Amino acid sequence: MEEIRPDARALLERKSSAYSGIIGPDGRPVTDGLIDE
């Protein structure tokens, strides 16, 4: 993306942009999820 826009790194490295996890039927996470990694 830096080939398109020189400041792409600043746009794409922002934290708290990805979450994966498993949620139970009570609406609470069943286990700890992952953020960014």
ModelCIF file with pLDDT and N, C-alpha, C, O atoms, coordinates in Angstrom:
data_MODEL
#
_entry.id   MODEL 
#
_entity.id                         1 
_entity.type                       polymer 
_entity.pdbx_number_of_molecules   1 
#
_entity_poly.entity_id                      1 
_entity_poly.type                           'polypeptide(L)' 
_entity_poly.nstd_linkage                   no 
_entity_poly.nstd_monomer                   no 
_entity_poly.pdbx_seq_one_letter_code       MEEIRPDARALLERKSSAYSGIIGPDGRPVTDGLIDE 
_entity_poly.pdbx_seq_one_letter_code_can   MEEIRPDARALLERKSSAYSGIIGPDGRPVTDGLIDE 
_entity_poly.pdbx_strand_id                 A 
#
loop_
_entity_poly_seq.entity_id 
_entity_poly_seq.num 
_entity_poly_seq.mon_id 
_entity_poly_seq.hetero 
1 1  MET n 
1 2  GLU n 
1 3  GLU n 
1 4  ILE n 
1 5  ARG n 
1 6  PRO n 
1 7  ASP n 
1 8  ALA n 
1 9  ARG n 
1 10 ALA n 
1 11 LEU n 
1 12 LEU n 
1 13 GLU n 
1 14 ARG n 
1 15 LYS n 
1 16 SER n 
1 17 SER n 
1 18 ALA n 
1 19 TYR n 
1 20 SER n 
1 21 GLY n 
1 22 ILE n 
1 23 ILE n 
1 24 GLY n 
1 25 PRO n 
1 26 ASP n 
1 27 GLY n 
1 28 ARG n 
1 29 PRO n 
1 30 VAL n 
1 31 THR n 
1 32 ASP n 
1 33 GLY n 
1 34 LEU n 
1 35 ILE n 
1 36 ASP n 
1 37 GLU n 
#
_struct_asym.id          A 
_struct_asym.entity_id   1 
#
loop_
_ma_qa_metric.id 
_ma_qa_metric.mode 
_ma_qa_metric.name 
_ma_qa_metric.software_group_id 
_ma_qa_metric.type 
1 global pLDDT . pLDDT 
2 local  pLDDT . pLDDT 
#
_ma_qa_metric_global.metric_id      1 
_ma_qa_metric_global.metric_value   97.16 
_ma_qa_metric_global.model_id       1 
_ma_qa_metric_global.ordinal_id     1 
#
loop_
_ma_qa_metric_local.label_asym_id 
_ma_qa_metric_local.label_comp_id 
_ma_qa_metric_local.label_seq_id 
_ma_qa_metric_local.metric_id 
_ma_qa_metric_local.metric_value 
_ma_qa_metric_local.model_id 
_ma_qa_metric_local.ordinal_id 
A MET 1  2 98.00 1 1  
A GLU 2  2 98.00 1 2  
A GLU 3  2 97.00 1 3  
A ILE 4  2 97.00 1 4  
A ARG 5  2 96.00 1 5  
A PRO 6  2 96.00 1 6  
A ASP 7  2 96.00 1 7  
A ALA 8  2 97.00 1 8  
A ARG 9  2 97.00 1 9  
A ALA 10 2 94.00 1 10 
A LEU 11 2 94.00 1 11 
A LEU 12 2 96.00 1 12 
A GLU 13 2 95.00 1 13 
A ARG 14 2 95.00 1 14 
A LYS 15 2 96.00 1 15 
A SER 16 2 97.00 1 16 
A SER 17 2 97.00 1 17 
A ALA 18 2 98.00 1 18 
A TYR 19 2 98.00 1 19 
A SER 20 2 98.00 1 20 
A GLY 21 2 98.00 1 21 
A ILE 22 2 98.00 1 22 
A ILE 23 2 98.00 1 23 
A GLY 24 2 98.00 1 24 
A PRO 25 2 98.00 1 25 
A ASP 26 2 98.00 1 26 
A GLY 27 2 98.00 1 27 
A ARG 28 2 98.00 1 28 
A PRO 29 2 98.00 1 29 
A VAL 30 2 98.00 1 30 
A THR 31 2 98.00 1 31 
A ASP 32 2 98.00 1 32 
A GLY 33 2 98.00 1 33 
A LEU 34 2 98.00 1 34 
A ILE 35 2 98.00 1 35 
A ASP 36 2 98.00 1 36 
A GLU 37 2 97.00 1 37 
#
loop_
_atom_site.group_PDB 
_atom_site.id 
_atom_site.type_symbol 
_atom_site.label_atom_id 
_atom_site.label_alt_id 
_atom_site.label_comp_id 
_atom_site.label_asym_id 
_atom_site.label_entity_id 
_atom_site.label_seq_id 
_atom_site.pdbx_PDB_ins_code 
_atom_site.Cartn_x 
_atom_site.Cartn_y 
_atom_site.Cartn_z 
_atom_site.occupancy 
_atom_site.B_iso_or_equiv 
_atom_site.pdbx_formal_charge 
_atom_site.auth_seq_id 
_atom_site.auth_comp_id 
_atom_site.auth_asym_id 
_atom_site.auth_atom_id 
_atom_site.pdbx_PDB_model_num 
ATOM 1   N N  . MET A 1 1  ? 0.819   -1.210  0.000  1.00 98.00 ? 1  MET A N  1 
ATOM 2   C CA . MET A 1 1  ? 0.000   0.000   0.000  1.00 98.00 ? 1  MET A CA 1 
ATOM 3   C C  . MET A 1 1  ? 0.858   1.268   0.000  1.00 98.00 ? 1  MET A C  1 
ATOM 4   O O  . MET A 1 1  ? 0.386   2.327   -0.414 1.00 98.00 ? 1  MET A O  1 
ATOM 5   N N  . GLU A 1 2  ? 2.107   1.176   0.457  1.00 98.00 ? 2  GLU A N  1 
ATOM 6   C CA . GLU A 1 2  ? 3.021   2.321   0.363  1.00 98.00 ? 2  GLU A CA 1 
ATOM 7   C C  . GLU A 1 2  ? 3.364   2.637   -1.080 1.00 98.00 ? 2  GLU A C  1 
ATOM 8   O O  . GLU A 1 2  ? 3.791   3.753   -1.377 1.00 98.00 ? 2  GLU A O  1 
ATOM 9   N N  . GLU A 1 3  ? 3.190   1.684   -1.985 1.00 97.00 ? 3  GLU A N  1 
ATOM 10  C CA . GLU A 1 3  ? 3.376   1.950   -3.414 1.00 97.00 ? 3  GLU A CA 1 
ATOM 11  C C  . GLU A 1 3  ? 2.316   2.923   -3.920 1.00 97.00 ? 3  GLU A C  1 
ATOM 12  O O  . GLU A 1 3  ? 2.539   3.653   -4.886 1.00 97.00 ? 3  GLU A O  1 
ATOM 13  N N  . ILE A 1 4  ? 1.169   2.924   -3.262 1.00 97.00 ? 4  ILE A N  1 
ATOM 14  C CA . ILE A 1 4  ? 0.066   3.796   -3.651 1.00 97.00 ? 4  ILE A CA 1 
ATOM 15  C C  . ILE A 1 4  ? 0.130   5.121   -2.915 1.00 97.00 ? 4  ILE A C  1 
ATOM 16  O O  . ILE A 1 4  ? -0.096  6.183   -3.493 1.00 97.00 ? 4  ILE A O  1 
ATOM 17  N N  . ARG A 1 5  ? 0.443   5.040   -1.625 1.00 96.00 ? 5  ARG A N  1 
ATOM 18  C CA . ARG A 1 5  ? 0.374   6.212   -0.759 1.00 96.00 ? 5  ARG A CA 1 
ATOM 19  C C  . ARG A 1 5  ? 1.527   6.167   0.247  1.00 96.00 ? 5  ARG A C  1 
ATOM 20  O O  . ARG A 1 5  ? 1.583   5.246   1.062  1.00 96.00 ? 5  ARG A O  1 
ATOM 21  N N  . PRO A 1 6  ? 2.437   7.125   0.211  1.00 96.00 ? 6  PRO A N  1 
ATOM 22  C CA . PRO A 1 6  ? 3.627   7.083   1.064  1.00 96.00 ? 6  PRO A CA 1 
ATOM 23  C C  . PRO A 1 6  ? 3.332   7.014   2.558  1.00 96.00 ? 6  PRO A C  1 
ATOM 24  O O  . PRO A 1 6  ? 4.131   6.467   3.318  1.00 96.00 ? 6  PRO A O  1 
ATOM 25  N N  . ASP A 1 7  ? 2.192   7.561   2.991  1.00 96.00 ? 7  ASP A N  1 
ATOM 26  C CA . ASP A 1 7  ? 1.874   7.548   4.418  1.00 96.00 ? 7  ASP A CA 1 
ATOM 27  C C  . ASP A 1 7  ? 0.982   6.360   4.802  1.00 96.00 ? 7  ASP A C  1 
ATOM 28  O O  . ASP A 1 7  ? 0.324   6.388   5.841  1.00 96.00 ? 7  ASP A O  1 
ATOM 29  N N  . ALA A 1 8  ? 0.963   5.324   3.967  1.00 97.00 ? 8  ALA A N  1 
ATOM 30  C CA . ALA A 1 8  ? 0.097   4.177   4.222  1.00 97.00 ? 8  ALA A CA 1 
ATOM 31  C C  . ALA A 1 8  ? 0.421   3.487   5.548  1.00 97.00 ? 8  ALA A C  1 
ATOM 32  O O  . ALA A 1 8  ? -0.476  2.975   6.218  1.00 97.00 ? 8  ALA A O  1 
ATOM 33  N N  . ARG A 1 9  ? 1.697   3.474   5.924  1.00 97.00 ? 9  ARG A N  1 
ATOM 34  C CA . ARG A 1 9  ? 2.080   2.805   7.170  1.00 97.00 ? 9  ARG A CA 1 
ATOM 35  C C  . ARG A 1 9  ? 1.381   3.432   8.372  1.00 97.00 ? 9  ARG A C  1 
ATOM 36  O O  . ARG A 1 9  ? 0.876   2.725   9.245  1.00 97.00 ? 9  ARG A O  1 
ATOM 37  N N  . ALA A 1 10 ? 1.355   4.728   8.412  1.00 94.00 ? 10 ALA A N  1 
ATOM 38  C CA . ALA A 1 10 ? 0.709   5.415   9.534  1.00 94.00 ? 10 ALA A CA 1 
ATOM 39  C C  . ALA A 1 10 ? -0.779  5.083   9.595  1.00 94.00 ? 10 ALA A C  1 
ATOM 40  O O  . ALA A 1 10 ? -1.364  5.021   10.677 1.00 94.00 ? 10 ALA A O  1 
ATOM 41  N N  . LEU A 1 11 ? -1.389  4.869   8.424  1.00 94.00 ? 11 LEU A N  1 
ATOM 42  C CA . LEU A 1 11 ? -2.809  4.552   8.378  1.00 94.00 ? 11 LEU A CA 1 
ATOM 43  C C  . LEU A 1 11 ? -3.093  3.108   8.785  1.00 94.00 ? 11 LEU A C  1 
ATOM 44  O O  . LEU A 1 11 ? -4.122  2.822   9.397  1.00 94.00 ? 11 LEU A O  1 
ATOM 45  N N  . LEU A 1 12 ? -2.178  2.200   8.443  1.00 96.00 ? 12 LEU A N  1 
ATOM 46  C CA . LEU A 1 12 ? -2.444  0.773   8.584  1.00 96.00 ? 12 LEU A CA 1 
ATOM 47  C C  . LEU A 1 12 ? -1.874  0.149   9.855  1.00 96.00 ? 12 LEU A C  1 
ATOM 48  O O  . LEU A 1 12 ? -2.212  -0.989  10.181 1.00 96.00 ? 12 LEU A O  1 
ATOM 49  N N  . GLU A 1 13 ? -1.019  0.865   10.578 1.00 95.00 ? 13 GLU A N  1 
ATOM 50  C CA . GLU A 1 13 ? -0.413  0.294   11.783 1.00 95.00 ? 13 GLU A CA 1 
ATOM 51  C C  . GLU A 1 13 ? -1.173  0.629   13.064 1.00 95.00 ? 13 GLU A C  1 
ATOM 52  O O  . GLU A 1 13 ? -0.742  0.261   14.157 1.00 95.00 ? 13 GLU A O  1 
ATOM 53  N N  . ARG A 1 14 ? -2.274  1.310   12.936 1.00 95.00 ? 14 ARG A N  1 
ATOM 54  C CA . ARG A 1 14 ? -3.039  1.694   14.109 1.00 95.00 ? 14 ARG A CA 1 
ATOM 55  C C  . ARG A 1 14 ? -3.476  0.475   14.921 1.00 95.00 ? 14 ARG A C  1 
ATOM 56  O O  . ARG A 1 14 ? -3.902  -0.529  14.352 1.00 95.00 ? 14 ARG A O  1 
ATOM 57  N N  . LYS A 1 15 ? -3.372  0.561   16.235 1.00 96.00 ? 15 LYS A N  1 
ATOM 58  C CA . LYS A 1 15 ? -3.672  -0.557  17.111 1.00 96.00 ? 15 LYS A CA 1 
ATOM 59  C C  . LYS A 1 15 ? -5.177  -0.694  17.350 1.00 96.00 ? 15 LYS A C  1 
ATOM 60  O O  . LYS A 1 15 ? -5.971  0.181   17.004 1.00 96.00 ? 15 LYS A O  1 
ATOM 61  N N  . SER A 1 16 ? -5.532  -1.822  17.952 1.00 97.00 ? 16 SER A N  1 
ATOM 62  C CA . SER A 1 16 ? -6.916  -2.170  18.274 1.00 97.00 ? 16 SER A CA 1 
ATOM 63  C C  . SER A 1 16 ? -7.797  -2.151  17.029 1.00 97.00 ? 16 SER A C  1 
ATOM 64  O O  . SER A 1 16 ? -8.880  -1.567  17.017 1.00 97.00 ? 16 SER A O  1 
ATOM 65  N N  . SER A 1 17 ? -7.298  -2.811  15.978 1.00 97.00 ? 17 SER A N  1 
ATOM 66  C CA . SER A 1 17 ? -8.019  -2.839  14.705 1.00 97.00 ? 17 SER A CA 1 
ATOM 67  C C  . SER A 1 17 ? -8.527  -4.222  14.334 1.00 97.00 ? 17 SER A C  1 
ATOM 68  O O  . SER A 1 17 ? -9.270  -4.370  13.364 1.00 97.00 ? 17 SER A O  1 
ATOM 69  N N  . ALA A 1 18 ? -8.130  -5.248  15.106 1.00 98.00 ? 18 ALA A N  1 
ATOM 70  C CA . ALA A 1 18 ? -8.573  -6.611  14.807 1.00 98.00 ? 18 ALA A CA 1 
ATOM 71  C C  . ALA A 1 18 ? -8.894  -7.328  16.111 1.00 98.00 ? 18 ALA A C  1 
ATOM 72  O O  . ALA A 1 18 ? -8.159  -7.209  17.091 1.00 98.00 ? 18 ALA A O  1 
ATOM 73  N N  . TYR A 1 19 ? -9.994  -8.071  16.116 1.00 98.00 ? 19 TYR A N  1 
ATOM 74  C CA . TYR A 1 19 ? -10.372 -8.890  17.268 1.00 98.00 ? 19 TYR A CA 1 
ATOM 75  C C  . TYR A 1 19 ? -10.896 -10.231 16.773 1.00 98.00 ? 19 TYR A C  1 
ATOM 76  O O  . TYR A 1 19 ? -11.718 -10.282 15.857 1.00 98.00 ? 19 TYR A O  1 
ATOM 77  N N  . SER A 1 20 ? -10.429 -11.297 17.368 1.00 98.00 ? 20 SER A N  1 
ATOM 78  C CA . SER A 1 20 ? -10.979 -12.627 17.109 1.00 98.00 ? 20 SER A CA 1 
ATOM 79  C C  . SER A 1 20 ? -11.289 -13.283 18.443 1.00 98.00 ? 20 SER A C  1 
ATOM 80  O O  . SER A 1 20 ? -10.524 -13.154 19.399 1.00 98.00 ? 20 SER A O  1 
ATOM 81  N N  . GLY A 1 21 ? -12.397 -13.976 18.503 1.00 98.00 ? 21 GLY A N  1 
ATOM 82  C CA . GLY A 1 21 ? -12.786 -14.615 19.743 1.00 98.00 ? 21 GLY A CA 1 
ATOM 83  C C  . GLY A 1 21 ? -14.044 -15.436 19.573 1.00 98.00 ? 21 GLY A C  1 
ATOM 84  O O  . GLY A 1 21 ? -14.589 -15.538 18.474 1.00 98.00 ? 21 GLY A O  1 
ATOM 85  N N  . ILE A 1 22 ? -14.502 -16.021 20.667 1.00 98.00 ? 22 ILE A N  1 
ATOM 86  C CA . ILE A 1 22 ? -15.682 -16.872 20.652 1.00 98.00 ? 22 ILE A CA 1 
ATOM 87  C C  . ILE A 1 22 ? -16.612 -16.423 21.767 1.00 98.00 ? 22 ILE A C  1 
ATOM 88  O O  . ILE A 1 22 ? -16.225 -16.369 22.935 1.00 98.00 ? 22 ILE A O  1 
ATOM 89  N N  . ILE A 1 23 ? -17.844 -16.101 21.390 1.00 98.00 ? 23 ILE A N  1 
ATOM 90  C CA . ILE A 1 23 ? -18.823 -15.531 22.305 1.00 98.00 ? 23 ILE A CA 1 
ATOM 91  C C  . ILE A 1 23 ? -19.894 -16.570 22.621 1.00 98.00 ? 23 ILE A C  1 
ATOM 92  O O  . ILE A 1 23 ? -20.364 -17.281 21.732 1.00 98.00 ? 23 ILE A O  1 
ATOM 93  N N  . GLY A 1 24 ? -20.279 -16.652 23.900 1.00 98.00 ? 24 GLY A N  1 
ATOM 94  C CA . GLY A 1 24 ? -21.292 -17.605 24.319 1.00 98.00 ? 24 GLY A CA 1 
ATOM 95  C C  . GLY A 1 24 ? -22.697 -17.058 24.208 1.00 98.00 ? 24 GLY A C  1 
ATOM 96  O O  . GLY A 1 24 ? -22.877 -15.876 23.918 1.00 98.00 ? 24 GLY A O  1 
ATOM 97  N N  . PRO A 1 25 ? -23.709 -17.906 24.437 1.00 98.00 ? 25 PRO A N  1 
ATOM 98  C CA . PRO A 1 25 ? -25.112 -17.487 24.277 1.00 98.00 ? 25 PRO A CA 1 
ATOM 99  C C  . PRO A 1 25 ? -25.596 -16.492 25.321 1.00 98.00 ? 25 PRO A C  1 
ATOM 100 O O  . PRO A 1 25 ? -26.719 -15.996 25.229 1.00 98.00 ? 25 PRO A O  1 
ATOM 101 N N  . ASP A 1 26 ? -24.761 -16.192 26.316 1.00 98.00 ? 26 ASP A N  1 
ATOM 102 C CA . ASP A 1 26 ? -25.099 -15.131 27.267 1.00 98.00 ? 26 ASP A CA 1 
ATOM 103 C C  . ASP A 1 26 ? -24.501 -13.791 26.863 1.00 98.00 ? 26 ASP A C  1 
ATOM 104 O O  . ASP A 1 26 ? -24.641 -12.799 27.578 1.00 98.00 ? 26 ASP A O  1 
ATOM 105 N N  . GLY A 1 27 ? -23.823 -13.768 25.697 1.00 98.00 ? 27 GLY A N  1 
ATOM 106 C CA . GLY A 1 27 ? -23.239 -12.529 25.196 1.00 98.00 ? 27 GLY A CA 1 
ATOM 107 C C  . GLY A 1 27 ? -21.849 -12.237 25.724 1.00 98.00 ? 27 GLY A C  1 
ATOM 108 O O  . GLY A 1 27 ? -21.291 -11.177 25.443 1.00 98.00 ? 27 GLY A O  1 
ATOM 109 N N  . ARG A 1 28 ? -21.276 -13.170 26.493 1.00 98.00 ? 28 ARG A N  1 
ATOM 110 C CA . ARG A 1 28 ? -19.943 -12.954 27.046 1.00 98.00 ? 28 ARG A CA 1 
ATOM 111 C C  . ARG A 1 28 ? -18.917 -13.846 26.353 1.00 98.00 ? 28 ARG A C  1 
ATOM 112 O O  . ARG A 1 28 ? -19.250 -14.956 25.937 1.00 98.00 ? 28 ARG A O  1 
ATOM 113 N N  . PRO A 1 29 ? -17.671 -13.377 26.222 1.00 98.00 ? 29 PRO A N  1 
ATOM 114 C CA . PRO A 1 29 ? -16.641 -14.225 25.627 1.00 98.00 ? 29 PRO A CA 1 
ATOM 115 C C  . PRO A 1 29 ? -16.467 -15.520 26.423 1.00 98.00 ? 29 PRO A C  1 
ATOM 116 O O  . PRO A 1 29 ? -16.459 -15.512 27.654 1.00 98.00 ? 29 PRO A O  1 
ATOM 117 N N  . VAL A 1 30 ? -16.330 -16.620 25.703 1.00 98.00 ? 30 VAL A N  1 
ATOM 118 C CA . VAL A 1 30 ? -16.103 -17.914 26.342 1.00 98.00 ? 30 VAL A CA 1 
ATOM 119 C C  . VAL A 1 30 ? -14.674 -18.008 26.849 1.00 98.00 ? 30 VAL A C  1 
ATOM 120 O O  . VAL A 1 30 ? -14.398 -18.695 27.832 1.00 98.00 ? 30 VAL A O  1 
ATOM 121 N N  . THR A 1 31 ? -13.773 -17.317 26.175 1.00 98.00 ? 31 THR A N  1 
ATOM 122 C CA . THR A 1 31 ? -12.358 -17.322 26.531 1.00 98.00 ? 31 THR A CA 1 
ATOM 123 C C  . THR A 1 31 ? -11.762 -15.989 26.111 1.00 98.00 ? 31 THR A C  1 
ATOM 124 O O  . THR A 1 31 ? -12.429 -15.192 25.452 1.00 98.00 ? 31 THR A O  1 
ATOM 125 N N  . ASP A 1 32 ? -10.516 -15.741 26.485 1.00 98.00 ? 32 ASP A N  1 
ATOM 126 C CA . ASP A 1 32 ? -9.857  -14.507 26.065 1.00 98.00 ? 32 ASP A CA 1 
ATOM 127 C C  . ASP A 1 32 ? -9.698  -14.482 24.550 1.00 98.00 ? 32 ASP A C  1 
ATOM 128 O O  . ASP A 1 32 ? -9.358  -15.494 23.937 1.00 98.00 ? 32 ASP A O  1 
ATOM 129 N N  . GLY A 1 33 ? -9.946  -13.324 23.952 1.00 98.00 ? 33 GLY A N  1 
ATOM 130 C CA . GLY A 1 33 ? -9.774  -13.182 22.520 1.00 98.00 ? 33 GLY A CA 1 
ATOM 131 C C  . GLY A 1 33 ? -8.396  -12.635 22.173 1.00 98.00 ? 33 GLY A C  1 
ATOM 132 O O  . GLY A 1 33 ? -7.567  -12.389 23.048 1.00 98.00 ? 33 GLY A O  1 
ATOM 133 N N  . LEU A 1 34 ? -8.176  -12.454 20.897 1.00 98.00 ? 34 LEU A N  1 
ATOM 134 C CA . LEU A 1 34 ? -6.918  -11.893 20.392 1.00 98.00 ? 34 LEU A CA 1 
ATOM 135 C C  . LEU A 1 34 ? -7.184  -10.509 19.817 1.00 98.00 ? 34 LEU A C  1 
ATOM 136 O O  . LEU A 1 34 ? -8.180  -10.300 19.123 1.00 98.00 ? 34 LEU A O  1 
ATOM 137 N N  . ILE A 1 35 ? -6.296  -9.565  20.104 1.00 98.00 ? 35 ILE A N  1 
ATOM 138 C CA . ILE A 1 35 ? -6.368  -8.234  19.505 1.00 98.00 ? 35 ILE A CA 1 
ATOM 139 C C  . ILE A 1 35 ? -5.081  -7.978  18.726 1.00 98.00 ? 35 ILE A C  1 
ATOM 140 O O  . ILE A 1 35 ? -3.986  -7.973  19.289 1.00 98.00 ? 35 ILE A O  1 
ATOM 141 N N  . ASP A 1 36 ? -5.232  -7.768  17.439 1.00 98.00 ? 36 ASP A N  1 
ATOM 142 C CA . ASP A 1 36 ? -4.162  -7.368  16.510 1.00 98.00 ? 36 ASP A CA 1 
ATOM 143 C C  . ASP A 1 36 ? -3.158  -8.469  16.163 1.00 98.00 ? 36 ASP A C  1 
ATOM 144 O O  . ASP A 1 36 ? -2.732  -8.543  15.010 1.00 98.00 ? 36 ASP A O  1 
ATOM 145 N N  . GLU A 1 37 ? -2.768  -9.314  17.094 1.00 97.00 ? 37 GLU A N  1 
ATOM 146 C CA . GLU A 1 37 ? -1.715  -10.299 16.851 1.00 97.00 ? 37 GLU A CA 1 
ATOM 147 C C  . GLU A 1 37 ? -2.257  -11.528 16.114 1.00 97.00 ? 37 GLU A C  1 
ATOM 148 O O  . GLU A 1 37 ? -1.504  -12.459 15.828 1.00 97.00 ? 37 GLU A O  1 
#
